[in-house]
């Protein structure tokens, strides 16, 4: 075997590592995704080594030239990733030896793969967080557009999937603006834990070389260097923060998908999906299945699984670095890919469905949906305690149910028979628009509130 094909530790480890274990334990198929971040961090690292007079100017330039050459080869898909190189860091270092010779050995001065992989991952996750936030911004804009067109679209609000109170469809959709805004905030909060620079922590104890961690921190876009070298190489809290935020976002997407699946069903018919986001059946010619929505609903399980996998890896792990932590990158990449794809699919759905306004109104006229308005009216106009009004309204609903009538079908005479003190203006409480517009408390469904909230979201 040629020297260049041997692992860097073959001077110490005399025998060859099991070929099967090499294949199984190699992470290069996963972490090759970090090549840009790894090369960037390596360039900054050797610049710092030169500034600190740890390596000379000529060596620095040779290394940087070689690293840029490697990046160019990878980008042009002319680079061979070999599982025997174990990971992207060793692969690049080995290729650097081939390009510039023994001077490549200076690249690993004053650092370990332990801090090297962390700086790569943190840079990658910072950029990925920005991408997710930007894509969520588009989701929020799409929902606001839907809301603007449906301020006066009346639908039933549900509890337990039973008709509860009339609301605006815009108000319903704006609930998801709140959810996705919280998701954005959680992702933004992740920048705090991603802002500390691990580079310079070494394997676990720091380094005896006179390095400048503030220089690498500034050049790589971090805010400060990490404060404890042992904690640095052990820390995956920033991974858990990302996985948790991603899981909640995926859950919100899943909830919206479930609502749309129900509303699109033949039982509800409240919305219709365009052909671009449905699929057919292999046996039933008439079918148009909401597979895109079912995909979104299903993918949340991957996010949950990745979160719990990472928590389980960490739960009994002593300080500092262990091979167990190698899976963090696969977990993070898989979670990011799933969430990014889900947000993009959701945005397609939001642009490709229509609202069946008549069906929404028809459904809102069922289920004695203005009963609470009647109870509130009795409190306001007859000065009854709410519980008394509640019980009286329940008896009125029972009467309607027995006589197969809606609340709005009751004559004043019938209402007077059920409650002698009731006034004739009671009929207005059964009007769906009046019911919606009466909910003027901040955050309520009144049309004016919705307009104000849309304006607020657009200015955020």
Protein backbone atom coordinates (compact mmCIF):
# COMPACT_ATOMS: atom_id res chain seq x y z
CA UNK A 1 0.00 0.00 0.00
CA UNK A 2 1.31 3.42 -0.90
CA UNK A 3 1.99 5.83 1.95
CA UNK A 4 -0.56 8.33 0.71
CA UNK A 5 -3.33 5.73 0.98
CA UNK A 6 -2.64 5.03 4.64
CA UNK A 7 -4.58 6.66 7.46
CA UNK A 8 -2.72 9.43 9.27
CA UNK A 9 -2.51 7.29 12.43
CA UNK A 10 -0.88 4.27 10.76
CA UNK A 11 2.43 5.14 12.41
CA UNK A 12 0.82 4.24 15.73
CA UNK A 13 -1.76 1.66 14.59
CA UNK A 14 0.29 -1.09 12.92
CA UNK A 15 -2.44 -3.35 11.61
CA UNK A 16 -4.94 -2.45 8.93
CA UNK A 17 -8.42 -1.46 10.09
CA UNK A 18 -11.13 -3.93 9.15
CA UNK A 19 -12.34 -3.07 5.66
CA UNK A 20 -15.94 -3.67 6.74
CA UNK A 21 -15.61 -1.36 9.75
CA UNK A 22 -13.99 1.29 7.54
CA UNK A 23 -17.03 1.25 5.28
CA UNK A 24 -19.53 1.26 8.14
CA UNK A 25 -17.81 3.95 10.22
CA UNK A 26 -16.84 6.25 7.36
CA UNK A 27 -18.89 9.43 7.37
CA UNK A 28 -17.61 10.92 4.14
CA UNK A 29 -20.82 10.23 2.22
CA UNK A 30 -22.57 12.44 4.76
CA UNK A 31 -20.06 15.10 5.73
CA UNK A 32 -18.75 15.74 2.20
CA UNK A 33 -21.62 18.22 2.26
CA UNK A 34 -19.40 20.36 4.50
CA UNK A 35 -16.56 20.75 2.00
CA UNK A 36 -17.05 24.50 1.47
CA UNK A 37 -17.23 25.19 5.19
CA UNK A 38 -14.22 22.96 5.86
CA UNK A 39 -12.10 24.69 3.23
CA UNK A 40 -13.19 28.14 4.40
CA UNK A 41 -12.32 27.36 8.03
CA UNK A 42 -8.99 25.82 7.00
CA UNK A 43 -8.02 28.90 4.99
CA UNK A 44 -8.83 31.19 7.93
CA UNK A 45 -6.95 28.84 10.27
CA UNK A 46 -3.72 28.94 8.24
CA UNK A 47 -4.04 32.71 7.82
CA UNK A 48 -4.13 32.94 11.60
CA UNK A 49 -1.15 30.57 11.94
CA UNK A 50 0.83 32.82 9.62
CA UNK A 51 -0.18 36.01 11.46
CA UNK A 52 0.97 34.39 14.69
CA UNK A 53 4.28 33.36 13.04
CA UNK A 54 3.50 29.68 13.58
CA UNK A 55 3.87 28.97 9.86
CA UNK A 56 5.64 31.08 7.26
CA UNK A 57 4.11 33.09 4.43
CA UNK A 58 5.21 30.67 1.71
CA UNK A 59 3.63 27.66 3.43
CA UNK A 60 0.42 29.59 4.04
CA UNK A 61 0.10 30.52 0.38
CA UNK A 62 0.82 26.96 -0.79
CA UNK A 63 -1.85 25.58 1.50
CA UNK A 64 -4.44 28.17 0.47
CA UNK A 65 -3.68 27.56 -3.21
CA UNK A 66 -4.13 23.82 -2.68
CA UNK A 67 -7.39 24.23 -0.76
CA UNK A 68 -8.87 26.45 -3.47
CA UNK A 69 -7.79 23.93 -6.09
CA UNK A 70 -9.56 21.17 -4.16
CA UNK A 71 -12.74 23.23 -3.85
CA UNK A 72 -12.70 23.86 -7.58
CA UNK A 73 -12.32 20.11 -8.26
CA UNK A 74 -15.24 19.28 -5.95
CA UNK A 75 -17.50 21.94 -7.45
CA UNK A 76 -16.73 20.66 -10.95
CA UNK A 77 -17.39 17.07 -9.78
CA UNK A 78 -13.83 16.01 -10.62
CA UNK A 79 -13.03 14.94 -7.07
CA UNK A 80 -13.21 11.35 -5.85
CA UNK A 81 -14.55 10.79 -2.33
CA UNK A 82 -13.11 7.56 -0.91
CA UNK A 83 -14.63 5.96 2.18
CA UNK A 84 -11.10 4.94 3.25
CA UNK A 85 -10.40 8.61 3.94
CA UNK A 86 -13.03 8.34 6.72
CA UNK A 87 -14.37 11.90 6.59
CA UNK A 88 -14.28 15.14 4.59
CA UNK A 89 -11.50 16.59 6.78
CA UNK A 90 -9.06 13.76 6.17
CA UNK A 91 -10.07 13.52 2.53
CA UNK A 92 -9.18 17.16 1.91
CA UNK A 93 -5.96 16.90 3.91
CA UNK A 94 -4.91 13.81 1.95
CA UNK A 95 -5.62 15.53 -1.37
CA UNK A 96 -3.66 18.55 -0.18
CA UNK A 97 -0.63 16.26 0.37
CA UNK A 98 -0.97 15.08 -3.22
CA UNK A 99 -1.04 18.67 -4.49
CA UNK A 100 1.62 20.44 -2.41
CA UNK A 101 3.56 17.70 -0.61
CA UNK A 102 4.77 17.69 3.01
CA UNK A 103 3.83 21.32 3.63
CA UNK A 104 0.22 20.11 3.77
CA UNK A 105 1.07 18.74 7.21
CA UNK A 106 1.13 22.26 8.64
CA UNK A 107 -2.63 22.63 8.10
CA UNK A 108 -3.46 20.65 11.22
CA UNK A 109 -1.17 22.60 13.51
CA UNK A 110 -3.03 23.78 16.64
CA UNK A 111 -6.33 22.13 15.82
CA UNK A 112 -8.10 18.77 16.02
CA UNK A 113 -10.86 17.24 13.96
CA UNK A 114 -12.95 17.69 17.10
CA UNK A 115 -12.98 21.49 16.86
CA UNK A 116 -12.66 21.39 13.06
CA UNK A 117 -15.93 19.53 12.52
CA UNK A 118 -17.76 21.77 14.96
CA UNK A 119 -16.76 24.97 13.23
CA UNK A 120 -17.80 23.47 9.88
CA UNK A 121 -21.16 22.33 11.22
CA UNK A 122 -21.91 25.63 12.96
CA UNK A 123 -21.18 27.65 9.80
CA UNK A 124 -23.34 25.29 7.75
CA UNK A 125 -26.20 25.42 10.26
CA UNK A 126 -26.06 29.21 10.46
CA UNK A 127 -26.46 29.47 6.69
CA UNK A 128 -29.18 26.80 6.69
CA UNK A 129 -31.09 28.61 9.43
CA UNK A 130 -31.12 31.74 7.25
CA UNK A 131 -32.47 29.70 4.32
CA UNK A 132 -35.29 28.22 6.42
CA UNK A 133 -36.25 31.64 7.77
CA UNK A 134 -36.34 33.10 4.28
CA UNK A 135 -38.55 30.27 3.02
CA UNK A 136 -40.87 30.63 6.04
CA UNK A 137 -41.17 34.34 5.24
CA UNK A 138 -42.63 33.34 1.88
CA UNK A 139 -45.06 30.97 3.62
CA UNK A 140 -46.27 33.78 5.86
CA UNK A 141 -46.70 36.10 2.85
CA UNK A 142 -48.71 33.42 1.03
CA UNK A 143 -51.04 32.98 4.00
CA UNK A 144 -51.53 36.74 4.36
CA UNK A 145 -52.53 36.93 0.67
CA UNK A 146 -55.13 34.21 1.25
CA UNK A 147 -56.42 36.04 4.33
CA UNK A 148 -56.75 39.35 2.48
CA UNK A 149 -59.03 37.70 -0.07
CA UNK A 150 -61.17 35.99 2.58
CA UNK A 151 -61.80 38.51 5.34
CA UNK A 152 -65.58 38.22 4.82
CA UNK A 153 -65.58 34.48 4.11
CA UNK A 154 -67.64 32.90 6.88
CA UNK A 155 -66.89 29.43 8.19
CA UNK A 156 -67.49 27.49 11.39
CA UNK A 157 -64.74 27.48 13.96
CA UNK A 158 -64.38 23.98 15.40
CA UNK A 159 -63.73 22.42 18.75
CA UNK A 160 -63.52 18.63 18.78
CA UNK A 161 -64.24 18.92 15.03
CA UNK A 162 -67.78 20.01 15.94
CA UNK A 163 -69.20 23.38 14.93
CA UNK A 164 -68.42 25.84 17.72
CA UNK A 165 -68.68 29.52 16.74
CA UNK A 166 -68.71 31.39 13.42
CA UNK A 167 -65.40 32.90 12.36
CA UNK A 168 -63.76 34.42 9.31
CA UNK A 169 -61.71 32.02 7.17
CA UNK A 170 -59.05 34.73 7.16
CA UNK A 171 -58.89 34.56 10.94
CA UNK A 172 -58.44 30.80 10.77
CA UNK A 173 -55.57 31.09 8.30
CA UNK A 174 -53.90 33.88 10.26
CA UNK A 175 -53.58 31.48 13.19
CA UNK A 176 -50.87 29.80 11.13
CA UNK A 177 -49.09 33.12 10.65
CA UNK A 178 -48.75 33.19 14.42
CA UNK A 179 -47.41 29.62 14.46
CA UNK A 180 -44.89 30.13 11.67
CA UNK A 181 -43.81 33.45 13.19
CA UNK A 182 -42.96 31.58 16.40
CA UNK A 183 -41.06 29.03 14.31
CA UNK A 184 -39.07 31.87 12.75
CA UNK A 185 -38.31 33.24 16.21
CA UNK A 186 -37.08 29.87 17.42
CA UNK A 187 -34.78 29.56 14.41
CA UNK A 188 -33.53 33.10 15.00
CA UNK A 189 -32.85 32.22 18.63
CA UNK A 190 -30.60 29.42 17.40
CA UNK A 191 -28.15 32.01 16.12
CA UNK A 192 -27.21 32.69 19.74
CA UNK A 193 -25.89 29.17 20.33
CA UNK A 194 -24.35 29.06 16.85
CA UNK A 195 -22.46 32.34 17.33
CA UNK A 196 -19.59 30.97 19.43
CA UNK A 197 -16.47 29.85 17.60
CA UNK A 198 -15.21 26.34 18.51
CA UNK A 199 -11.97 26.62 16.49
CA UNK A 200 -8.93 26.57 18.78
CA UNK A 201 -10.38 24.20 21.37
CA UNK A 202 -8.30 21.35 19.98
CA UNK A 203 -9.12 17.78 20.90
CA UNK A 204 -10.44 18.84 24.32
CA UNK A 205 -7.84 20.92 26.20
CA UNK A 206 -6.94 23.80 23.88
CA UNK A 207 -3.44 24.17 22.45
CA UNK A 208 0.03 25.23 23.53
CA UNK A 209 0.51 27.23 20.31
CA UNK A 210 0.09 31.01 20.53
CA UNK A 211 -3.10 31.11 18.43
CA UNK A 212 -5.48 34.05 18.04
CA UNK A 213 -9.04 32.82 18.47
CA UNK A 214 -10.44 36.33 18.17
CA UNK A 215 -9.02 36.58 14.64
CA UNK A 216 -10.65 33.33 13.47
CA UNK A 217 -13.85 34.30 15.26
CA UNK A 218 -14.11 37.58 13.36
CA UNK A 219 -13.06 36.16 9.99
CA UNK A 220 -15.53 33.27 10.18
CA UNK A 221 -18.46 35.46 11.25
CA UNK A 222 -18.81 34.29 14.84
CA UNK A 223 -19.43 36.68 17.76
CA UNK A 224 -17.07 35.20 20.33
CA UNK A 225 -14.86 32.17 20.95
CA UNK A 226 -16.21 29.38 23.15
CA UNK A 227 -15.17 29.61 26.80
CA UNK A 228 -14.33 26.04 27.78
CA UNK A 229 -12.50 23.64 25.49
CA UNK A 230 -13.96 20.48 27.07
CA UNK A 231 -17.52 21.75 26.82
CA UNK A 232 -16.88 22.92 23.25
CA UNK A 233 -16.04 19.50 21.82
CA UNK A 234 -18.80 17.87 23.91
CA UNK A 235 -21.51 20.41 23.15
CA UNK A 236 -24.37 19.53 20.84
CA UNK A 237 -26.96 21.77 22.50
CA UNK A 238 -27.00 23.90 19.35
CA UNK A 239 -27.93 20.77 17.39
CA UNK A 240 -30.79 20.01 19.79
CA UNK A 241 -31.99 23.61 19.58
CA UNK A 242 -32.15 23.32 15.80
CA UNK A 243 -33.84 19.91 15.88
CA UNK A 244 -36.43 21.11 18.40
CA UNK A 245 -37.23 24.25 16.40
CA UNK A 246 -37.47 22.17 13.23
CA UNK A 247 -39.74 19.61 14.89
CA UNK A 248 -42.18 22.28 16.00
CA UNK A 249 -42.22 23.86 12.56
CA UNK A 250 -42.81 20.45 10.96
CA UNK A 251 -45.64 19.86 13.44
CA UNK A 252 -47.31 23.15 12.48
CA UNK A 253 -47.04 22.21 8.81
CA UNK A 254 -48.56 18.83 9.63
CA UNK A 255 -51.50 20.43 11.45
CA UNK A 256 -52.26 22.67 8.50
CA UNK A 257 -51.95 19.69 6.15
CA UNK A 258 -54.41 17.70 8.27
CA UNK A 259 -56.92 20.56 8.25
CA UNK A 260 -56.70 20.83 4.47
CA UNK A 261 -57.07 17.07 4.06
CA UNK A 262 -60.27 17.20 6.11
CA UNK A 263 -61.60 20.31 4.39
CA UNK A 264 -60.84 18.85 0.95
CA UNK A 265 -62.66 15.60 1.74
CA UNK A 266 -66.04 14.80 0.16
CA UNK A 267 -67.56 15.00 3.63
CA UNK A 268 -66.60 18.69 4.01
CA UNK A 269 -65.86 20.12 0.53
CA UNK A 270 -64.72 23.40 2.06
CA UNK A 271 -61.72 23.70 -0.25
CA UNK A 272 -60.62 22.19 -3.55
CA UNK A 273 -57.05 21.31 -4.52
CA UNK A 274 -55.74 22.11 -7.98
CA UNK A 275 -54.52 19.24 -10.14
CA UNK A 276 -50.88 20.30 -9.69
CA UNK A 277 -50.88 19.16 -6.05
CA UNK A 278 -52.95 15.96 -6.22
CA UNK A 279 -52.31 12.46 -7.54
CA UNK A 280 -54.52 9.75 -8.99
CA UNK A 281 -55.38 6.17 -8.09
CA UNK A 282 -54.02 3.07 -9.83
CA UNK A 283 -57.48 1.48 -9.87
CA UNK A 284 -60.11 4.18 -9.29
CA UNK A 285 -60.26 6.54 -12.29
CA UNK A 286 -62.21 9.24 -10.49
CA UNK A 287 -59.79 9.80 -7.62
CA UNK A 288 -57.83 12.96 -6.89
CA UNK A 289 -55.82 12.25 -3.77
CA UNK A 290 -54.24 14.94 -1.52
CA UNK A 291 -50.88 13.14 -1.50
CA UNK A 292 -48.87 16.35 -1.16
CA UNK A 293 -50.67 17.10 2.11
CA UNK A 294 -50.32 13.53 3.34
CA UNK A 295 -46.60 13.76 2.58
CA UNK A 296 -46.39 16.84 4.81
CA UNK A 297 -48.33 15.14 7.57
CA UNK A 298 -46.09 12.09 7.46
CA UNK A 299 -42.73 13.85 7.36
CA UNK A 300 -43.08 15.31 10.84
CA UNK A 301 -42.30 11.83 12.22
CA UNK A 302 -38.78 12.08 10.73
CA UNK A 303 -38.18 15.34 12.57
CA UNK A 304 -39.41 13.88 15.86
CA UNK A 305 -37.30 10.76 15.35
CA UNK A 306 -34.16 12.78 14.67
CA UNK A 307 -34.70 14.94 17.74
CA UNK A 308 -35.12 11.92 20.01
CA UNK A 309 -32.18 10.13 18.36
CA UNK A 310 -29.86 13.02 19.18
CA UNK A 311 -31.18 13.33 22.73
CA UNK A 312 -30.66 9.60 23.24
CA UNK A 313 -27.08 9.79 21.91
CA UNK A 314 -26.27 12.57 24.38
CA UNK A 315 -28.16 11.41 27.46
CA UNK A 316 -25.41 9.20 28.95
CA UNK A 317 -22.36 10.48 27.12
CA UNK A 318 -19.42 11.57 29.29
CA UNK A 319 -17.32 14.60 28.34
CA UNK A 320 -15.62 15.13 25.77
CA UNK A 321 -15.62 13.64 22.21
CA UNK A 322 -16.85 10.14 21.31
CA UNK A 323 -17.61 8.40 18.03
CA UNK A 324 -21.29 8.42 19.04
CA UNK A 325 -21.40 12.09 18.08
CA UNK A 326 -20.58 11.34 14.45
CA UNK A 327 -24.29 10.86 13.70
CA UNK A 328 -25.09 14.48 14.52
CA UNK A 329 -24.40 15.62 10.96
CA UNK A 330 -26.59 12.99 9.33
CA UNK A 331 -29.40 13.86 11.73
CA UNK A 332 -29.07 17.62 11.12
CA UNK A 333 -28.85 17.28 7.33
CA UNK A 334 -31.83 14.94 7.17
CA UNK A 335 -33.93 17.24 9.36
CA UNK A 336 -33.00 20.31 7.33
CA UNK A 337 -33.75 18.60 4.01
CA UNK A 338 -37.11 17.31 5.19
CA UNK A 339 -38.16 20.64 6.64
CA UNK A 340 -37.01 22.71 3.68
CA UNK A 341 -38.80 20.38 1.26
CA UNK A 342 -41.93 20.46 3.42
CA UNK A 343 -42.03 24.26 3.52
CA UNK A 344 -41.60 24.40 -0.27
CA UNK A 345 -44.40 21.86 -0.80
CA UNK A 346 -46.61 23.80 1.60
CA UNK A 347 -45.99 26.98 -0.37
CA UNK A 348 -47.08 25.17 -3.53
CA UNK A 349 -50.25 24.03 -1.79
CA UNK A 350 -51.03 27.53 -0.55
CA UNK A 351 -50.85 28.82 -4.13
CA UNK A 352 -52.92 26.00 -5.59
CA UNK A 353 -56.17 25.61 -3.71
CA UNK A 354 -59.52 27.36 -3.88
CA UNK A 355 -62.06 28.17 -1.18
CA UNK A 356 -65.64 26.92 -1.47
CA UNK A 357 -67.27 29.92 0.21
CA UNK A 358 -70.86 28.71 -0.17
CA UNK A 359 -70.05 25.36 1.48
CA UNK A 360 -68.32 27.16 4.33
CA UNK A 361 -71.36 29.35 4.91
CA UNK A 362 -73.73 26.37 4.66
CA UNK A 363 -71.73 24.48 7.25
CA UNK A 364 -71.61 27.54 9.50
CA UNK A 365 -75.42 27.57 9.51
CA UNK A 366 -75.49 24.15 11.13
CA UNK A 367 -74.99 23.03 14.69
CA UNK A 368 -76.57 25.95 16.60
CA UNK A 369 -73.34 27.86 16.08
CA UNK A 370 -74.61 31.17 17.51
CA UNK A 371 -75.72 29.66 20.83
CA UNK A 372 -72.89 31.37 22.72
CA UNK A 373 -73.95 34.70 21.21
CA UNK A 374 -77.44 34.13 22.61
CA UNK A 375 -76.06 33.35 26.07
CA UNK A 376 -73.89 36.49 25.98
CA UNK A 377 -76.90 38.54 24.82
CA UNK A 378 -78.96 37.40 27.82
CA UNK A 379 -76.13 38.40 30.16
CA UNK A 380 -75.82 41.84 28.59
CA UNK A 381 -79.50 42.64 28.19
CA UNK A 382 -81.21 40.82 31.08
CA UNK A 383 -78.33 41.08 33.54
CA UNK A 384 -78.43 37.33 34.14
CA UNK A 385 -75.39 35.51 35.53
CA UNK A 386 -73.62 33.73 32.68
CA UNK A 387 -74.38 30.25 34.08
CA UNK A 388 -78.10 31.02 34.16
CA UNK A 389 -77.90 32.32 30.59
CA UNK A 390 -75.94 29.23 29.58
CA UNK A 391 -78.57 26.88 30.99
CA UNK A 392 -81.43 28.86 29.44
CA UNK A 393 -79.70 28.81 26.05
CA UNK A 394 -79.12 25.06 26.36
CA UNK A 395 -82.88 24.58 26.89
CA UNK A 396 -83.59 26.72 23.82
CA UNK A 397 -81.15 24.59 21.79
CA UNK A 398 -82.86 21.43 23.04
CA UNK A 399 -86.21 22.87 21.91
CA UNK A 400 -84.76 23.59 18.45
CA UNK A 401 -83.29 20.12 18.18
CA UNK A 402 -86.57 18.50 19.16
CA UNK A 403 -88.52 20.60 16.67
CA UNK A 404 -85.88 20.31 13.92
CA UNK A 405 -85.29 24.06 13.77
CA UNK A 406 -82.27 26.34 13.62
CA UNK A 407 -81.90 29.09 16.20
CA UNK A 408 -82.52 31.63 13.46
CA UNK A 409 -85.83 29.85 12.60
CA UNK A 410 -87.34 30.55 16.03
CA UNK A 411 -90.08 33.13 16.10
CA UNK A 412 -90.11 35.84 18.72
CA UNK A 413 -93.24 34.18 20.12
CA UNK A 414 -91.40 30.91 20.64
CA UNK A 415 -88.46 32.66 22.26
CA UNK A 416 -90.82 34.58 24.51
CA UNK A 417 -92.44 31.31 25.54
CA UNK A 418 -89.01 29.89 26.49
CA UNK A 419 -87.82 33.07 28.20
CA UNK A 420 -90.54 35.65 29.02
CA UNK A 421 -88.05 38.50 29.62
CA UNK A 422 -86.39 38.24 26.25
CA UNK A 423 -86.49 41.31 23.99
CA UNK A 424 -87.36 41.45 20.29
CA UNK A 425 -83.88 42.58 19.24
CA UNK A 426 -82.59 39.11 20.12
CA UNK A 427 -82.87 38.02 16.47
CA UNK A 428 -79.72 39.95 15.51
CA UNK A 429 -77.52 37.60 17.54
CA UNK A 430 -78.35 34.74 15.16
CA UNK A 431 -76.83 36.56 12.18
CA UNK A 432 -73.45 35.03 11.36
CA UNK A 433 -71.81 38.30 10.31
CA UNK A 434 -73.02 40.06 13.44
CA UNK A 435 -71.68 37.20 15.52
CA UNK A 436 -68.24 37.43 13.90
CA UNK A 437 -68.10 41.21 14.05
CA UNK A 438 -69.03 41.25 17.72
CA UNK A 439 -65.75 39.49 18.66
CA UNK A 440 -63.79 42.73 18.92
CA UNK A 441 -61.48 41.76 21.78
CA UNK A 442 -57.82 41.96 20.74
CA UNK A 443 -56.98 38.83 18.75
CA UNK A 444 -60.64 38.10 18.05
CA UNK A 445 -62.27 37.30 14.73
CA UNK A 446 -64.05 40.60 14.00
CA UNK A 447 -63.49 41.90 10.49
CA UNK A 448 -61.84 45.09 11.74
CA UNK A 449 -59.48 43.08 13.96
CA UNK A 450 -58.49 40.92 11.01
CA UNK A 451 -57.70 43.96 8.87
CA UNK A 452 -55.55 45.41 11.64
CA UNK A 453 -53.69 42.14 12.14
CA UNK A 454 -53.01 41.77 8.41
CA UNK A 455 -51.55 45.27 8.41
CA UNK A 456 -49.46 44.43 11.47
CA UNK A 457 -48.10 41.22 9.90
CA UNK A 458 -47.23 43.00 6.67
CA UNK A 459 -45.31 45.68 8.55
CA UNK A 460 -43.46 43.17 10.75
